Protein backbone atom coordinates (compact mmCIF):
# COMPACT_ATOMS: atom_id res chain seq x y z
CA MET A 1 13.76 -6.02 -19.44
CA LYS A 2 12.75 -3.30 -17.00
CA ARG A 3 15.34 -2.66 -14.27
CA LEU A 4 13.94 -1.65 -10.88
CA HIS A 5 15.64 -0.98 -7.55
CA VAL A 6 14.71 -3.07 -4.52
CA ASP A 7 15.44 -2.79 -0.82
CA THR A 8 14.19 -4.68 2.22
CA LEU A 9 13.38 -3.64 5.74
CA GLU A 10 12.98 -5.90 8.77
CA SER A 11 10.02 -4.95 10.95
CA GLU A 12 7.68 -6.23 13.66
CA ILE A 13 5.24 -7.25 10.94
CA GLY A 14 7.76 -9.07 8.78
CA THR A 15 10.23 -8.24 6.06
CA ILE A 16 9.01 -5.36 3.91
CA VAL A 17 10.11 -5.22 0.27
CA LEU A 18 10.25 -1.80 -1.42
CA VAL A 19 10.64 -1.38 -5.19
CA GLU A 20 11.58 1.94 -6.79
CA ASP A 21 11.32 3.09 -10.39
CA GLY A 22 12.67 6.47 -11.49
CA GLY A 23 12.46 8.12 -8.09
CA GLN A 24 8.98 6.83 -7.31
CA LEU A 25 7.87 3.92 -5.17
CA CYS A 26 6.14 1.42 -7.44
CA SER A 27 5.74 -1.47 -5.00
CA LEU A 28 5.74 -2.10 -1.27
CA ASP A 29 4.83 -5.56 -0.05
CA PHE A 30 5.87 -8.21 2.43
CA SER A 31 8.48 -10.86 1.61
CA ASP A 32 6.02 -13.69 2.24
CA TYR A 33 3.85 -12.14 -0.51
CA GLU A 34 6.74 -11.71 -2.94
CA GLN A 35 5.06 -13.92 -5.54
CA ARG A 36 2.05 -11.56 -5.56
CA MET A 37 4.38 -8.57 -5.80
CA MET A 38 6.26 -10.06 -8.75
CA LEU A 39 3.00 -10.91 -10.52
CA LEU A 40 1.80 -7.31 -10.18
CA LEU A 41 5.17 -5.95 -11.37
CA LYS A 42 5.21 -8.29 -14.39
CA ARG A 43 1.64 -7.35 -15.32
CA ARG A 44 2.70 -3.75 -15.29
CA TYR A 45 6.22 -3.81 -16.75
CA GLY A 46 6.56 -7.18 -18.45
CA SER A 47 9.93 -8.75 -17.72
CA VAL A 48 11.63 -7.14 -14.71
CA SER A 49 15.03 -7.26 -13.08
CA LEU A 50 15.35 -6.26 -9.43
CA GLU A 51 18.66 -4.70 -8.46
CA THR A 52 19.41 -4.15 -4.79
CA LEU A 53 19.91 -0.51 -3.81
CA ALA A 54 20.13 0.56 -0.19
CA ASP A 55 17.46 3.09 0.83
CA PRO A 56 16.50 4.32 -2.66
CA HIS A 57 15.55 8.02 -2.44
CA GLY A 58 15.27 7.64 1.33
CA PHE A 59 12.08 5.55 0.98
CA THR A 60 13.28 2.77 3.28
CA SER A 61 14.23 5.32 5.95
CA LYS A 62 10.80 6.95 5.71
CA VAL A 63 9.03 3.62 6.14
CA ARG A 64 11.29 2.86 9.13
CA ARG A 65 10.37 6.24 10.67
CA TYR A 66 6.69 5.43 10.17
CA LEU A 67 7.16 2.07 11.91
CA ASP A 68 9.00 3.88 14.72
CA GLY A 69 6.04 6.22 15.28
CA ASP A 70 6.46 9.15 12.85
CA LEU A 71 3.07 8.58 11.22
CA SER A 72 3.46 11.47 8.76
CA SER A 73 6.78 10.28 7.33
CA LEU A 74 5.06 8.55 4.39
CA ASP A 75 3.06 11.56 3.27
CA ASP A 76 5.53 12.87 0.71
CA ILE A 77 6.73 9.59 -0.82
CA PRO A 78 5.99 9.81 -4.54
CA VAL A 79 4.27 6.72 -5.90
CA ASN A 80 3.77 5.34 -9.36
CA THR A 81 1.09 2.67 -9.27
CA GLY A 82 0.26 2.14 -12.91
CA GLY A 83 -3.23 0.70 -13.30
CA THR A 84 -6.40 1.98 -14.92
CA HIS A 85 -7.73 5.48 -14.34
CA PHE A 86 -10.27 4.09 -11.85
CA GLN A 87 -7.60 2.12 -9.97
CA GLN A 88 -5.38 5.19 -9.74
CA GLN A 89 -8.31 7.21 -8.37
CA VAL A 90 -8.98 4.60 -5.68
CA TRP A 91 -5.32 4.29 -4.70
CA GLN A 92 -4.81 8.05 -4.50
CA ALA A 93 -8.01 8.45 -2.47
CA LEU A 94 -6.53 6.12 0.15
CA ARG A 95 -4.08 8.88 1.04
CA THR A 96 -6.97 11.11 2.09
CA ILE A 97 -8.07 8.73 4.87
CA PRO A 98 -6.73 10.32 8.06
CA VAL A 99 -4.26 8.42 10.22
CA GLY A 100 -6.05 6.71 13.09
CA SER A 101 -9.36 6.39 11.28
CA THR A 102 -11.04 4.05 8.84
CA TRP A 103 -13.46 4.31 5.95
CA THR A 104 -15.74 1.65 4.55
CA TYR A 105 -15.47 0.49 0.95
CA GLY A 106 -18.81 2.23 0.37
CA ALA A 107 -17.56 5.52 1.80
CA LEU A 108 -14.46 5.33 -0.38
CA ALA A 109 -16.62 4.65 -3.44
CA ALA A 110 -18.88 7.59 -2.56
CA THR A 111 -15.83 9.85 -2.20
CA LEU A 112 -14.97 8.99 -5.80
CA GLY A 113 -18.50 9.90 -6.93
CA LYS A 114 -19.33 6.23 -7.53
CA PRO A 115 -21.51 5.27 -4.56
CA THR A 116 -22.51 1.90 -6.07
CA ALA A 117 -18.94 0.82 -6.81
CA SER A 118 -17.98 -0.54 -3.39
CA ARG A 119 -17.16 -3.99 -4.78
CA ALA A 120 -14.97 -2.52 -7.52
CA VAL A 121 -13.28 -0.38 -4.89
CA GLY A 122 -12.72 -3.50 -2.80
CA ARG A 123 -11.16 -5.41 -5.71
CA THR A 124 -8.94 -2.44 -6.54
CA ASN A 125 -7.96 -2.03 -2.90
CA GLY A 126 -6.79 -5.66 -2.93
CA LEU A 127 -4.51 -4.91 -5.89
CA ASN A 128 -2.83 -1.92 -4.25
CA PRO A 129 0.83 -2.26 -5.24
CA VAL A 130 2.13 0.17 -2.60
CA ALA A 131 0.84 -1.07 0.75
CA ILE A 132 1.21 1.07 3.87
CA VAL A 133 2.17 4.20 1.88
CA LEU A 134 -1.20 4.02 0.14
CA PRO A 135 -3.04 2.97 3.31
CA CYS A 136 -5.46 0.33 2.11
CA HIS A 137 -5.32 -1.07 5.65
CA ARG A 138 -7.59 1.85 6.66
CA VAL A 139 -10.51 0.46 4.64
CA VAL A 140 -12.94 -1.82 6.50
CA GLY A 141 -16.21 -3.62 5.87
CA ALA A 142 -19.60 -1.93 6.13
CA ASP A 143 -19.94 -3.29 9.67
CA ALA A 144 -16.46 -1.95 10.58
CA SER A 145 -15.00 -5.47 10.47
CA LEU A 146 -11.41 -5.99 9.37
CA THR A 147 -12.10 -7.52 6.00
CA GLY A 148 -9.42 -8.43 3.51
CA TYR A 149 -5.85 -7.28 3.45
CA ALA A 150 -3.34 -8.61 0.94
CA GLY A 151 -0.70 -8.72 3.69
CA GLY A 152 -2.93 -10.62 6.10
CA LEU A 153 -5.43 -9.47 8.71
CA GLU A 154 -2.91 -9.60 11.57
CA ARG A 155 -0.79 -7.00 9.76
CA LYS A 156 -3.86 -4.88 9.08
CA ARG A 157 -4.75 -5.04 12.78
CA TRP A 158 -1.18 -4.13 13.77
CA LEU A 159 -1.04 -1.17 11.35
CA LEU A 160 -4.36 0.22 12.56
CA GLN A 161 -3.38 -0.12 16.21
CA HIS A 162 0.02 1.42 15.43
CA GLU A 163 -1.80 4.45 14.02
CA GLY A 164 -3.94 4.76 17.14
CA TYR A 165 -7.15 3.28 15.82
CA ALA A 166 -9.10 1.62 18.63
CA LEU A 167 -10.22 -1.83 17.53
């Protein structure tokens, strides 16, 4: 059984659950999506045990600072997403989307050199195990609509507005 550290953080957008493995953030989700989070962790690690640890490696504090307005506080959080090579490429590319802006799924696919892979990018985006830190909320539909967000569209809207994006 894989032992992972877990901490929670109360916020305006709900309870955030952070999971750490070996000094890297391997999951960040919302408590009302805990079943999804556990499914993704089990797919990746098999059987898991979550042990509470306050502010592992300062990750919880960094997320709190982000929520309090320090929009660069997440930039240096190391992540370990698992996934296929393509998924890892998509998730890492999310970090290149500037705060306060959005990209379309097509633009993200083109950035990866796969301009026809917007649907695959969209599916991968929906499986992002480290929400907010890997800012999948910054990806929108081709018409700039707020399409899909595993944490719910209201959270996506809040995160974008928090970062200064004019909706």
